[in-house]
Amino acid sequence: MIDEKEFIKQLLTPETQNTAFQKLLSDYQKPLYSHIRNIVLNHDDADDVLQNTFVKVFQNLKNFKGESKLFSWMYRIATNEALTFLSQKAKLSGISSEDLQNKTIDGLKADLYFDGDEIQIKLQKAIVTLPEKQQLVFKMKYFEELKYEEIADILGTSVGALKASYHHAVKKIELYVTTN
């Protein structure tokens, strides 16, 4: 495996750009799709956001300073794209983000790409009740099994704050699941 700086150089060099970008897609498409899908919940929306994410990555790669890992930088773009998408979709629908998420959860049963059961639906409904940051932290830790250090790098916050957010999220979810 070539080192990250060399890979980024290949992505920026016109002669090697196409091959390098194909590798970037093959390495990151599935994990980024999963991450985005955990945020937007809907398969078609996740595909749209994923496409926008790769466009932004490609357009902004020349501005990547290497202060974080490429993985973290791309996840940050994916997270921001997903949150922006949800915000715009809620605004266009004339409803709150929480109402939009609840509506999307109700539609999960009909989603061909969702293989969860009633417990998964209940978990998703519990997650929607959390503040946005707690939702992100919980989903990244619980579903994607990212390390706190990776999440801190992606969200630009401290490990301690993330641990506290995750702990509070788990407690709120437990309370929701046992009382609903």
N, C-alpha and C. Protein backbone atom coordinates (compact mmCIF):
# COMPACT_ATOMS: atom_id res chain seq x y z
N MET A 1 0.85 -1.19 0.00
CA MET A 1 0.00 0.00 0.00
C MET A 1 0.89 1.24 0.00
N ILE A 2 0.60 2.14 -0.91
CA ILE A 2 1.36 3.38 -0.96
C ILE A 2 0.93 4.28 0.18
N ASP A 3 1.81 5.18 0.59
CA ASP A 3 1.44 6.05 1.70
C ASP A 3 0.44 7.12 1.22
N GLU A 4 -0.21 7.72 2.19
CA GLU A 4 -1.32 8.63 1.89
C GLU A 4 -0.86 9.86 1.08
N LYS A 5 0.29 10.41 1.42
CA LYS A 5 0.78 11.59 0.68
C LYS A 5 1.01 11.26 -0.79
N GLU A 6 1.56 10.09 -1.04
CA GLU A 6 1.81 9.66 -2.42
C GLU A 6 0.48 9.45 -3.14
N PHE A 7 -0.49 8.86 -2.44
CA PHE A 7 -1.80 8.63 -3.03
C PHE A 7 -2.49 9.95 -3.39
N ILE A 8 -2.41 10.92 -2.51
CA ILE A 8 -3.01 12.23 -2.77
C ILE A 8 -2.32 12.89 -3.95
N LYS A 9 -1.01 12.72 -4.03
CA LYS A 9 -0.26 13.26 -5.17
C LYS A 9 -0.77 12.63 -6.47
N GLN A 10 -1.03 11.32 -6.44
CA GLN A 10 -1.58 10.64 -7.63
C GLN A 10 -2.97 11.17 -7.98
N LEU A 11 -3.76 11.47 -6.97
CA LEU A 11 -5.09 12.02 -7.21
C LEU A 11 -5.04 13.40 -7.85
N LEU A 12 -3.98 14.13 -7.56
CA LEU A 12 -3.85 15.50 -8.08
C LEU A 12 -3.09 15.59 -9.39
N THR A 13 -2.43 14.50 -9.79
CA THR A 13 -1.64 14.50 -11.02
C THR A 13 -2.52 14.03 -12.18
N PRO A 14 -2.65 14.86 -13.23
CA PRO A 14 -3.56 14.50 -14.34
C PRO A 14 -3.30 13.11 -14.94
N GLU A 15 -2.04 12.69 -15.04
CA GLU A 15 -1.73 11.40 -15.66
C GLU A 15 -2.19 10.20 -14.81
N THR A 16 -2.23 10.36 -13.51
CA THR A 16 -2.59 9.24 -12.62
C THR A 16 -3.94 9.44 -11.94
N GLN A 17 -4.56 10.57 -12.21
CA GLN A 17 -5.79 10.96 -11.52
C GLN A 17 -6.93 9.94 -11.66
N ASN A 18 -7.20 9.50 -12.87
CA ASN A 18 -8.33 8.58 -13.08
C ASN A 18 -8.15 7.26 -12.34
N THR A 19 -6.97 6.67 -12.45
CA THR A 19 -6.70 5.41 -11.75
C THR A 19 -6.79 5.59 -10.24
N ALA A 20 -6.20 6.69 -9.74
CA ALA A 20 -6.21 6.95 -8.30
C ALA A 20 -7.64 7.19 -7.81
N PHE A 21 -8.43 7.92 -8.60
CA PHE A 21 -9.81 8.19 -8.17
C PHE A 21 -10.64 6.91 -8.17
N GLN A 22 -10.38 6.00 -9.11
CA GLN A 22 -11.06 4.70 -9.11
C GLN A 22 -10.73 3.93 -7.83
N LYS A 23 -9.48 4.00 -7.41
CA LYS A 23 -9.07 3.34 -6.16
C LYS A 23 -9.75 4.00 -4.96
N LEU A 24 -9.80 5.33 -4.99
CA LEU A 24 -10.47 6.06 -3.92
C LEU A 24 -11.93 5.62 -3.80
N LEU A 25 -12.60 5.53 -4.95
CA LEU A 25 -13.99 5.07 -4.97
C LEU A 25 -14.12 3.65 -4.43
N SER A 26 -13.26 2.76 -4.90
CA SER A 26 -13.38 1.36 -4.46
C SER A 26 -13.08 1.21 -2.98
N ASP A 27 -12.17 2.02 -2.44
CA ASP A 27 -11.81 1.92 -1.02
C ASP A 27 -12.84 2.56 -0.10
N TYR A 28 -13.45 3.65 -0.54
CA TYR A 28 -14.28 4.44 0.37
C TYR A 28 -15.77 4.45 0.07
N GLN A 29 -16.18 3.93 -1.08
CA GLN A 29 -17.59 4.01 -1.45
C GLN A 29 -18.50 3.31 -0.43
N LYS A 30 -18.17 2.09 -0.06
CA LYS A 30 -19.03 1.34 0.87
C LYS A 30 -19.05 1.96 2.27
N PRO A 31 -17.89 2.27 2.87
CA PRO A 31 -17.96 2.85 4.22
C PRO A 31 -18.65 4.22 4.24
N LEU A 32 -18.41 5.03 3.21
CA LEU A 32 -19.07 6.34 3.17
C LEU A 32 -20.57 6.19 2.94
N TYR A 33 -20.96 5.24 2.08
CA TYR A 33 -22.39 5.00 1.87
C TYR A 33 -23.05 4.60 3.21
N SER A 34 -22.43 3.69 3.92
CA SER A 34 -22.99 3.24 5.21
C SER A 34 -23.12 4.40 6.19
N HIS A 35 -22.09 5.22 6.23
CA HIS A 35 -22.10 6.39 7.13
C HIS A 35 -23.24 7.33 6.75
N ILE A 36 -23.35 7.66 5.48
CA ILE A 36 -24.40 8.56 5.00
C ILE A 36 -25.77 7.95 5.22
N ARG A 37 -25.90 6.66 4.93
CA ARG A 37 -27.18 5.96 5.10
C ARG A 37 -27.63 5.99 6.56
N ASN A 38 -26.68 5.87 7.48
CA ASN A 38 -27.02 5.96 8.90
C ASN A 38 -27.58 7.33 9.27
N ILE A 39 -27.18 8.35 8.54
CA ILE A 39 -27.66 9.70 8.83
C ILE A 39 -28.98 9.99 8.11
N VAL A 40 -29.05 9.71 6.81
CA VAL A 40 -30.25 10.08 6.04
C VAL A 40 -31.31 8.98 6.01
N LEU A 41 -30.92 7.75 6.32
CA LEU A 41 -31.78 6.58 6.44
C LEU A 41 -32.31 6.00 5.13
N ASN A 42 -32.53 6.81 4.14
CA ASN A 42 -33.14 6.36 2.89
C ASN A 42 -32.06 6.02 1.87
N HIS A 43 -32.20 4.88 1.19
CA HIS A 43 -31.20 4.42 0.23
C HIS A 43 -30.97 5.41 -0.92
N ASP A 44 -32.05 5.85 -1.55
CA ASP A 44 -31.91 6.76 -2.69
C ASP A 44 -31.26 8.08 -2.27
N ASP A 45 -31.68 8.59 -1.12
CA ASP A 45 -31.08 9.83 -0.60
C ASP A 45 -29.59 9.61 -0.31
N ALA A 46 -29.26 8.46 0.26
CA ALA A 46 -27.86 8.15 0.58
C ALA A 46 -27.02 8.10 -0.70
N ASP A 47 -27.57 7.51 -1.75
CA ASP A 47 -26.86 7.48 -3.04
C ASP A 47 -26.60 8.89 -3.56
N ASP A 48 -27.61 9.76 -3.48
CA ASP A 48 -27.46 11.14 -3.94
C ASP A 48 -26.39 11.87 -3.13
N VAL A 49 -26.45 11.72 -1.82
CA VAL A 49 -25.49 12.40 -0.95
C VAL A 49 -24.08 11.84 -1.17
N LEU A 50 -23.98 10.54 -1.39
CA LEU A 50 -22.68 9.92 -1.66
C LEU A 50 -22.07 10.51 -2.93
N GLN A 51 -22.88 10.64 -3.95
CA GLN A 51 -22.40 11.22 -5.20
C GLN A 51 -21.92 12.65 -4.98
N ASN A 52 -22.71 13.44 -4.25
CA ASN A 52 -22.31 14.82 -3.94
C ASN A 52 -21.01 14.85 -3.13
N THR A 53 -20.87 13.89 -2.23
CA THR A 53 -19.67 13.81 -1.40
C THR A 53 -18.43 13.60 -2.26
N PHE A 54 -18.50 12.65 -3.18
CA PHE A 54 -17.33 12.39 -4.04
C PHE A 54 -17.04 13.58 -4.96
N VAL A 55 -18.06 14.27 -5.41
CA VAL A 55 -17.84 15.47 -6.22
C VAL A 55 -17.09 16.51 -5.39
N LYS A 56 -17.55 16.73 -4.14
CA LYS A 56 -16.89 17.70 -3.26
C LYS A 56 -15.45 17.28 -2.95
N VAL A 57 -15.25 15.98 -2.69
CA VAL A 57 -13.90 15.48 -2.42
C VAL A 57 -13.01 15.79 -3.62
N PHE A 58 -13.47 15.47 -4.80
CA PHE A 58 -12.68 15.68 -6.02
C PHE A 58 -12.39 17.17 -6.23
N GLN A 59 -13.41 18.00 -6.04
CA GLN A 59 -13.24 19.44 -6.25
C GLN A 59 -12.31 20.08 -5.23
N ASN A 60 -12.29 19.56 -4.01
CA ASN A 60 -11.56 20.20 -2.92
C ASN A 60 -10.26 19.49 -2.53
N LEU A 61 -9.92 18.44 -3.22
CA LEU A 61 -8.71 17.69 -2.88
C LEU A 61 -7.47 18.57 -2.88
N LYS A 62 -7.42 19.51 -3.79
CA LYS A 62 -6.25 20.40 -3.87
C LYS A 62 -6.11 21.25 -2.60
N ASN A 63 -7.22 21.42 -1.85
CA ASN A 63 -7.20 22.21 -0.61
C ASN A 63 -6.94 21.35 0.63
N PHE A 64 -6.87 20.02 0.45
CA PHE A 64 -6.63 19.12 1.58
C PHE A 64 -5.21 19.36 2.09
N LYS A 65 -5.10 19.73 3.37
CA LYS A 65 -3.80 20.10 3.93
C LYS A 65 -3.08 18.93 4.59
N GLY A 66 -3.75 17.81 4.76
CA GLY A 66 -3.12 16.66 5.39
C GLY A 66 -3.02 16.78 6.91
N GLU A 67 -3.80 17.70 7.50
CA GLU A 67 -3.79 17.84 8.96
C GLU A 67 -4.55 16.70 9.64
N SER A 68 -5.37 16.03 8.88
CA SER A 68 -6.06 14.83 9.37
C SER A 68 -5.85 13.75 8.31
N LYS A 69 -6.31 12.56 8.61
CA LYS A 69 -6.24 11.50 7.61
C LYS A 69 -7.25 11.79 6.50
N LEU A 70 -6.96 11.29 5.32
CA LEU A 70 -7.88 11.45 4.19
C LEU A 70 -9.25 10.87 4.55
N PHE A 71 -9.25 9.72 5.20
CA PHE A 71 -10.48 9.07 5.67
C PHE A 71 -11.32 10.03 6.50
N SER A 72 -10.70 10.69 7.48
CA SER A 72 -11.43 11.61 8.36
C SER A 72 -11.97 12.80 7.60
N TRP A 73 -11.16 13.33 6.71
CA TRP A 73 -11.55 14.49 5.91
C TRP A 73 -12.76 14.14 5.05
N MET A 74 -12.72 12.97 4.41
CA MET A 74 -13.84 12.55 3.57
C MET A 74 -15.10 12.29 4.40
N TYR A 75 -14.94 11.70 5.57
CA TYR A 75 -16.09 11.47 6.45
C TYR A 75 -16.70 12.79 6.89
N ARG A 76 -15.85 13.79 7.15
CA ARG A 76 -16.35 15.10 7.55
C ARG A 76 -17.18 15.69 6.41
N ILE A 77 -16.70 15.59 5.19
CA ILE A 77 -17.45 16.08 4.03
C ILE A 77 -18.77 15.32 3.91
N ALA A 78 -18.72 13.99 4.05
CA ALA A 78 -19.93 13.17 3.95
C ALA A 78 -20.95 13.54 5.03
N THR A 79 -20.46 13.76 6.24
CA THR A 79 -21.33 14.13 7.36
C THR A 79 -22.00 15.47 7.07
N ASN A 80 -21.20 16.45 6.65
CA ASN A 80 -21.76 17.77 6.36
C ASN A 80 -22.75 17.72 5.20
N GLU A 81 -22.42 16.96 4.17
CA GLU A 81 -23.33 16.82 3.03
C GLU A 81 -24.66 16.18 3.46
N ALA A 82 -24.58 15.14 4.30
CA ALA A 82 -25.79 14.46 4.76
C ALA A 82 -26.65 15.38 5.61
N LEU A 83 -26.03 16.12 6.52
CA LEU A 83 -26.78 17.03 7.39
C LEU A 83 -27.40 18.18 6.59
N THR A 84 -26.65 18.69 5.62
CA THR A 84 -27.16 19.75 4.76
C THR A 84 -28.35 19.23 3.94
N PHE A 85 -28.20 18.02 3.43
CA PHE A 85 -29.28 17.40 2.65
C PHE A 85 -30.56 17.29 3.49
N LEU A 86 -30.42 16.78 4.71
CA LEU A 86 -31.59 16.63 5.58
C LEU A 86 -32.23 17.98 5.89
N SER A 87 -31.40 18.96 6.16
CA SER A 87 -31.91 20.29 6.48
C SER A 87 -32.67 20.87 5.29
N GLN A 88 -32.10 20.75 4.10
CA GLN A 88 -32.77 21.27 2.90
C GLN A 88 -34.05 20.51 2.59
N LYS A 89 -34.01 19.19 2.77
CA LYS A 89 -35.20 18.37 2.49
C LYS A 89 -36.33 18.73 3.46
N ALA A 90 -35.99 18.94 4.73
CA ALA A 90 -37.00 19.32 5.72
C ALA A 90 -37.58 20.70 5.38
N LYS A 91 -36.70 21.61 5.01
CA LYS A 91 -37.13 22.97 4.67
C LYS A 91 -38.07 22.95 3.46
N LEU A 92 -37.70 22.19 2.43
CA LEU A 92 -38.55 22.08 1.23
C LEU A 92 -39.90 21.43 1.55
N SER A 93 -39.90 20.52 2.51
CA SER A 93 -41.14 19.83 2.90
C SER A 93 -41.96 20.67 3.87
N GLY A 94 -41.36 21.71 4.41
CA GLY A 94 -42.07 22.56 5.36
C GLY A 94 -42.26 21.91 6.72
N ILE A 95 -41.37 20.99 7.07
CA ILE A 95 -41.48 20.32 8.37
C ILE A 95 -40.12 20.37 9.08
N SER A 96 -40.13 20.04 10.37
CA SER A 96 -38.88 20.04 11.14
C SER A 96 -38.02 18.84 10.74
N SER A 97 -36.74 18.91 11.05
CA SER A 97 -35.83 17.80 10.76
C SER A 97 -36.27 16.53 11.49
N GLU A 98 -36.74 16.70 12.73
CA GLU A 98 -37.18 15.53 13.50
C GLU A 98 -38.41 14.89 12.86
N ASP A 99 -39.35 15.72 12.40
CA ASP A 99 -40.54 15.18 11.72
C ASP A 99 -40.15 14.47 10.42
N LEU A 100 -39.20 15.06 9.69
CA LEU A 100 -38.72 14.44 8.46
C LEU A 100 -38.09 13.07 8.76
N GLN A 101 -37.28 13.01 9.81
CA GLN A 101 -36.65 11.74 10.16
C GLN A 101 -37.68 10.71 10.59
N ASN A 102 -38.69 11.13 11.35
CA ASN A 102 -39.75 10.20 11.75
C ASN A 102 -40.51 9.67 10.54
N LYS A 103 -40.77 10.57 9.59
CA LYS A 103 -41.46 10.17 8.36
C LYS A 103 -40.60 9.15 7.58
N THR A 104 -39.30 9.40 7.54
CA THR A 104 -38.38 8.49 6.84
C THR A 104 -38.34 7.14 7.55
N ILE A 105 -38.32 7.15 8.86
CA ILE A 105 -38.31 5.89 9.63
C ILE A 105 -39.57 5.09 9.34
N ASP A 106 -40.72 5.79 9.29
CA ASP A 106 -41.98 5.10 8.98
C ASP A 106 -41.92 4.46 7.60
N GLY A 107 -41.16 5.04 6.68
CA GLY A 107 -41.03 4.50 5.34
C GLY A 107 -39.99 3.38 5.22
N LEU A 108 -39.22 3.15 6.29
CA LEU A 108 -38.18 2.12 6.22
C LEU A 108 -38.73 0.72 5.95
N LYS A 109 -39.90 0.43 6.48
CA LYS A 109 -40.48 -0.90 6.30
C LYS A 109 -40.69 -1.24 4.82
N ALA A 110 -40.96 -0.20 4.02
CA ALA A 110 -41.19 -0.41 2.59
C ALA A 110 -39.89 -0.32 1.78
N ASP A 111 -38.79 0.06 2.44
CA ASP A 111 -37.50 0.23 1.76
C ASP A 111 -36.88 -1.14 1.48
N LEU A 112 -36.68 -1.45 0.21
CA LEU A 112 -36.10 -2.74 -0.18
C LEU A 112 -34.70 -2.95 0.37
N TYR A 113 -34.00 -1.85 0.66
CA TYR A 113 -32.61 -1.94 1.11
C TYR A 113 -32.49 -1.96 2.63
N PHE A 114 -33.62 -1.92 3.35
CA PHE A 114 -33.60 -1.97 4.81
C PHE A 114 -33.96 -3.38 5.25
N ASP A 115 -33.07 -4.01 5.97
CA ASP A 115 -33.33 -5.39 6.39
C ASP A 115 -33.52 -5.51 7.90
N GLY A 116 -33.87 -4.41 8.55
CA GLY A 116 -34.09 -4.44 9.99
C GLY A 116 -35.48 -4.93 10.35
N ASP A 117 -35.68 -5.09 11.64
CA ASP A 117 -36.97 -5.54 12.14
C ASP A 117 -37.59 -4.43 13.00
N GLU A 118 -38.63 -4.77 13.75
CA GLU A 118 -39.32 -3.78 14.59
C GLU A 118 -38.39 -3.16 15.63
N ILE A 119 -37.47 -3.96 16.14
CA ILE A 119 -36.53 -3.44 17.14
C ILE A 119 -35.62 -2.37 16.51
N GLN A 120 -35.19 -2.61 15.27
CA GLN A 120 -34.37 -1.62 14.56
C GLN A 120 -35.17 -0.33 14.32
N ILE A 121 -36.43 -0.47 13.99
CA ILE A 121 -37.29 0.70 13.78
C ILE A 121 -37.41 1.48 15.09
N LYS A 122 -37.62 0.76 16.19
CA LYS A 122 -37.74 1.40 17.49
C LYS A 122 -36.43 2.10 17.87
N LEU A 123 -35.31 1.47 17.58
CA LEU A 123 -34.01 2.08 17.86
C LEU A 123 -33.86 3.37 17.04
N GLN A 124 -34.23 3.33 15.76
CA GLN A 124 -34.14 4.53 14.92
C GLN A 124 -35.04 5.64 15.46
N LYS A 125 -36.23 5.28 15.94
CA LYS A 125 -37.13 6.28 16.51
C LYS A 125 -36.54 6.89 17.78
N ALA A 126 -35.85 6.08 18.56
CA ALA A 126 -35.19 6.58 19.77
C ALA A 126 -34.05 7.52 19.40
N ILE A 127 -33.30 7.18 18.38
CA ILE A 127 -32.16 8.00 17.96
C ILE A 127 -32.63 9.38 17.49
N VAL A 128 -33.78 9.43 16.82
CA VAL A 128 -34.30 10.70 16.32
C VAL A 128 -34.59 11.68 17.45
N THR A 129 -34.87 11.17 18.64
CA THR A 129 -35.19 12.06 19.77
C THR A 129 -33.94 12.74 20.33
N LEU A 130 -32.76 12.27 19.93
CA LEU A 130 -31.51 12.84 20.44
C LEU A 130 -31.16 14.14 19.73
N PRO A 131 -30.40 15.02 20.41
CA PRO A 131 -29.84 16.18 19.71
C PRO A 131 -28.93 15.71 18.57
N GLU A 132 -28.76 16.54 17.56
CA GLU A 132 -28.02 16.16 16.34
C GLU A 132 -26.63 15.59 16.64
N LYS A 133 -25.87 16.25 17.51
CA LYS A 133 -24.51 15.79 17.79
C LYS A 133 -24.53 14.40 18.45
N GLN A 134 -25.45 14.19 19.39
CA GLN A 134 -25.56 12.88 20.03
C GLN A 134 -25.97 11.82 19.01
N GLN A 135 -26.83 12.18 18.08
CA GLN A 135 -27.20 11.23 17.02
C GLN A 135 -25.97 10.81 16.23
N LEU A 136 -25.20 11.79 15.81
CA LEU A 136 -23.99 11.49 15.02
C LEU A 136 -23.02 10.61 15.78
N VAL A 137 -22.74 11.01 17.01
CA VAL A 137 -21.77 10.26 17.83
C VAL A 137 -22.27 8.83 18.04
N PHE A 138 -23.54 8.70 18.38
CA PHE A 138 -24.09 7.36 18.62
C PHE A 138 -24.00 6.51 17.37
N LYS A 139 -24.43 7.04 16.24
CA LYS A 139 -24.42 6.26 14.99
C LYS A 139 -23.01 5.88 14.58
N MET A 140 -22.07 6.80 14.72
CA MET A 140 -20.69 6.51 14.32
C MET A 140 -20.05 5.46 15.23
N LYS A 141 -20.37 5.52 16.51
CA LYS A 141 -19.79 4.57 17.46
C LYS A 141 -20.52 3.23 17.42
N TYR A 142 -21.84 3.26 17.45
CA TYR A 142 -22.64 2.04 17.55
C TYR A 142 -22.73 1.27 16.23
N PHE A 143 -23.11 1.95 15.16
CA PHE A 143 -23.32 1.28 13.88
C PHE A 143 -22.02 1.08 13.09
N GLU A 144 -21.19 2.11 13.10
CA GLU A 144 -19.98 2.06 12.27
C GLU A 144 -18.75 1.57 13.04
N GLU A 145 -18.89 1.49 14.35
CA GLU A 145 -17.82 1.00 15.23
C GLU A 145 -16.51 1.77 15.05
N LEU A 146 -16.64 3.09 14.85
CA LEU A 146 -15.45 3.93 14.75
C LEU A 146 -14.89 4.16 16.14
N LYS A 147 -13.59 4.37 16.21
CA LYS A 147 -12.93 4.67 17.48
C LYS A 147 -13.22 6.13 17.83
N TYR A 148 -13.19 6.44 19.14
CA TYR A 148 -13.46 7.81 19.57
C TYR A 148 -12.48 8.79 18.92
N GLU A 149 -11.24 8.37 18.76
CA GLU A 149 -10.23 9.25 18.15
C GLU A 149 -10.61 9.58 16.70
N GLU A 150 -11.13 8.59 15.97
CA GLU A 150 -11.55 8.83 14.59
C GLU A 150 -12.75 9.77 14.55
N ILE A 151 -13.70 9.54 15.45
CA ILE A 151 -14.89 10.40 15.50
C ILE A 151 -14.49 11.82 15.87
N ALA A 152 -13.57 11.95 16.82
CA ALA A 152 -13.10 13.28 17.23
C ALA A 152 -12.48 14.02 16.06
N ASP A 153 -11.71 13.30 15.26
CA ASP A 153 -11.07 13.89 14.09
C ASP A 153 -12.12 14.30 13.06
N ILE A 154 -13.12 13.46 12.85
CA ILE A 154 -14.17 13.75 11.86
C ILE A 154 -15.03 14.93 12.29
N LEU A 155 -15.42 14.95 13.56
CA LEU A 155 -16.33 15.99 14.04
C LEU A 155 -15.62 17.21 14.61
N GLY A 156 -14.29 17.13 14.74
CA GLY A 156 -13.53 18.27 15.24
C GLY A 156 -13.82 18.59 16.69
N THR A 157 -13.85 17.56 17.53
CA THR A 157 -14.12 17.75 18.95
C THR A 157 -13.20 16.84 19.76
N SER A 158 -13.29 16.92 21.07
CA SER A 158 -12.40 16.12 21.93
C SER A 158 -12.98 14.74 22.19
N VAL A 159 -12.10 13.81 22.50
CA VAL A 159 -12.51 12.45 22.84
C VAL A 159 -13.39 12.46 24.09
N GLY A 160 -13.02 13.26 25.07
CA GLY A 160 -13.80 13.35 26.31
C GLY A 160 -15.23 13.80 26.06
N ALA A 161 -15.39 14.81 25.22
CA ALA A 161 -16.73 15.30 24.89
C ALA A 161 -17.53 14.23 24.16
N LEU A 162 -16.86 13.48 23.30
CA LEU A 162 -17.55 12.41 22.56
C LEU A 162 -18.01 11.30 23.50
N LYS A 163 -17.15 10.92 24.42
CA LYS A 163 -17.51 9.87 25.38
C LYS A 163 -18.73 10.30 26.19
N ALA A 164 -18.75 11.56 26.60
CA ALA A 164 -19.89 12.08 27.36
C ALA A 164 -21.15 12.07 26.48
N SER A 165 -21.02 12.53 25.24
CA SER A 165 -22.17 12.54 24.32
C SER A 165 -22.71 11.14 24.10
N TYR A 166 -21.80 10.19 23.88
CA TYR A 166 -22.22 8.81 23.64
C TYR A 166 -22.93 8.24 24.87
N HIS A 167 -22.37 8.49 26.04
CA HIS A 167 -22.96 8.00 27.29
C HIS A 167 -24.38 8.56 27.46
N HIS A 168 -24.54 9.88 27.25
CA HIS A 168 -25.86 10.49 27.37
C HIS A 168 -26.83 9.93 26.33
N ALA A 169 -26.33 9.72 25.11
CA ALA A 169 -27.17 9.17 24.05
C ALA A 169 -27.67 7.77 24.41
N VAL A 170 -26.77 6.93 24.91
CA VAL A 170 -27.14 5.57 25.29
C VAL A 170 -28.21 5.59 26.39
N LYS A 171 -28.02 6.44 27.38
CA LYS A 171 -29.00 6.53 28.48
C LYS A 171 -30.38 6.97 27.96
N LYS A 172 -30.39 7.96 27.08
CA LYS A 172 -31.67 8.44 26.52
C LYS A 172 -32.33 7.37 25.66
N ILE A 173 -31.55 6.65 24.90
CA ILE A 173 -32.10 5.58 24.06
C ILE A 173 -32.66 4.46 24.93
N GLU A 174 -31.92 4.08 25.95
CA GLU A 174 -32.41 3.04 26.88
C GLU A 174 -33.75 3.46 27.49
N LEU A 175 -33.84 4.72 27.92
CA LEU A 175 -35.08 5.23 28.52
C LEU A 175 -36.21 5.19 27.49
N TYR A 176 -35.95 5.62 26.27
CA TYR A 176 -36.96 5.61 25.22
C TYR A 176 -37.45 4.20 24.95
N VAL A 177 -36.52 3.27 24.79
CA VAL A 177 -36.88 1.89 24.44
C VAL A 177 -37.70 1.24 25.56
N THR A 178 -37.37 1.52 26.81
CA THR A 178 -38.10 0.88 27.91
C THR A 178 -39.45 1.55 28.19
N THR A 179 -39.62 2.80 27.78
CA THR A 179 -40.89 3.48 28.07
C THR A 179 -41.84 3.55 26.86
N ASN A 180 -41.39 3.12 25.70
CA ASN A 180 -42.24 3.19 24.49
C ASN A 180 -42.48 1.81 23.92
